[in-house]
């Protein structure tokens, strides 16, 4: 499980935090945009993976380290579903 650190601050454009949030959201969006699951199911899945309530599962709330972990989780799940593992 990833240690979730809540940040809840705006990231300056081009900052490492902004880049990490973009990467996390991009990886996350593939889960539902490619119909591996619905958008709601994707948020439920991610919240479960992070061990947090669904209402707290938002990239804007996460710090850089958590966003990196989210991207890795999502990429792993995409790989698993692509190859039916």
Protein backbone atom coordinates (compact mmCIF):
# COMPACT_ATOMS: atom_id res chain seq x y z
CA UNK A 1 0.00 0.00 0.00
CA UNK A 2 1.16 3.52 -0.77
CA UNK A 3 1.47 5.97 2.09
CA UNK A 4 -0.96 8.72 1.15
CA UNK A 5 0.12 12.22 2.00
CA UNK A 6 -2.47 14.91 1.52
CA UNK A 7 -1.17 18.13 0.08
CA UNK A 8 -4.22 20.19 -0.90
CA UNK A 9 -2.34 23.06 -2.42
CA UNK A 10 -2.10 24.40 -5.89
CA UNK A 11 0.94 23.29 -7.82
CA UNK A 12 2.87 25.89 -9.73
CA UNK A 13 2.80 25.18 -13.49
CA UNK A 14 5.86 23.22 -14.52
CA UNK A 15 6.75 22.25 -10.96
CA UNK A 16 7.62 18.67 -10.06
CA UNK A 17 4.32 18.43 -8.16
CA UNK A 18 2.35 19.60 -11.20
CA UNK A 19 4.18 17.12 -13.43
CA UNK A 20 3.56 14.29 -10.97
CA UNK A 21 -0.16 15.11 -10.79
CA UNK A 22 -0.41 15.20 -14.59
CA UNK A 23 1.36 11.83 -14.86
CA UNK A 24 -0.88 10.29 -12.18
CA UNK A 25 -4.05 11.58 -13.80
CA UNK A 26 -2.92 10.50 -17.26
CA UNK A 27 -2.27 6.95 -16.07
CA UNK A 28 -5.51 6.90 -14.09
CA UNK A 29 -7.60 8.16 -17.02
CA UNK A 30 -6.48 5.24 -19.20
CA UNK A 31 -8.28 2.87 -16.81
CA UNK A 32 -11.70 4.29 -17.52
CA UNK A 33 -11.21 5.88 -20.94
CA UNK A 34 -10.16 2.51 -22.39
CA UNK A 35 -13.14 0.93 -20.65
CA UNK A 36 -11.15 -1.33 -18.34
CA UNK A 37 -13.65 -0.04 -15.75
CA UNK A 38 -16.09 2.82 -15.43
CA UNK A 39 -14.84 6.16 -14.09
CA UNK A 40 -16.64 5.56 -10.82
CA UNK A 41 -15.19 2.05 -10.55
CA UNK A 42 -11.73 3.46 -11.26
CA UNK A 43 -12.03 5.92 -8.37
CA UNK A 44 -13.34 3.17 -6.10
CA UNK A 45 -10.46 0.89 -7.14
CA UNK A 46 -7.85 3.61 -6.56
CA UNK A 47 -9.30 4.61 -3.19
CA UNK A 48 -9.23 0.94 -2.16
CA UNK A 49 -5.62 0.59 -3.33
CA UNK A 50 -4.65 3.66 -1.33
CA UNK A 51 -6.74 2.71 1.70
CA UNK A 52 -8.62 6.00 1.74
CA UNK A 53 -12.29 7.01 1.41
CA UNK A 54 -13.45 7.53 -2.16
CA UNK A 55 -14.30 11.19 -1.44
CA UNK A 56 -10.63 11.82 -0.61
CA UNK A 57 -9.40 10.21 -3.82
CA UNK A 58 -8.41 13.17 -5.97
CA UNK A 59 -5.05 14.01 -7.53
CA UNK A 60 -5.28 17.61 -6.29
CA UNK A 61 -5.15 16.29 -2.73
CA UNK A 62 -1.99 14.21 -3.20
CA UNK A 63 1.62 15.19 -2.76
CA UNK A 64 4.30 14.38 -5.31
CA UNK A 65 5.31 11.02 -3.79
CA UNK A 66 1.70 9.83 -3.66
CA UNK A 67 1.12 10.88 -7.29
CA UNK A 68 4.15 8.89 -8.40
CA UNK A 69 2.76 5.86 -6.57
CA UNK A 70 -0.67 6.37 -8.11
CA UNK A 71 0.84 6.43 -11.60
CA UNK A 72 2.70 3.19 -10.85
CA UNK A 73 -0.42 1.51 -9.47
CA UNK A 74 -2.47 2.51 -12.51
CA UNK A 75 0.21 1.47 -14.98
CA UNK A 76 0.47 -1.91 -13.25
CA UNK A 77 -3.29 -2.41 -13.41
CA UNK A 78 -3.37 -1.43 -17.09
CA UNK A 79 -0.57 -3.91 -17.84
CA UNK A 80 -2.38 -6.63 -15.88
CA UNK A 81 -5.62 -6.05 -17.80
CA UNK A 82 -3.92 -5.75 -21.19
CA UNK A 83 -2.30 -9.15 -20.77
CA UNK A 84 -5.12 -10.69 -18.72
CA UNK A 85 -2.80 -11.55 -15.84
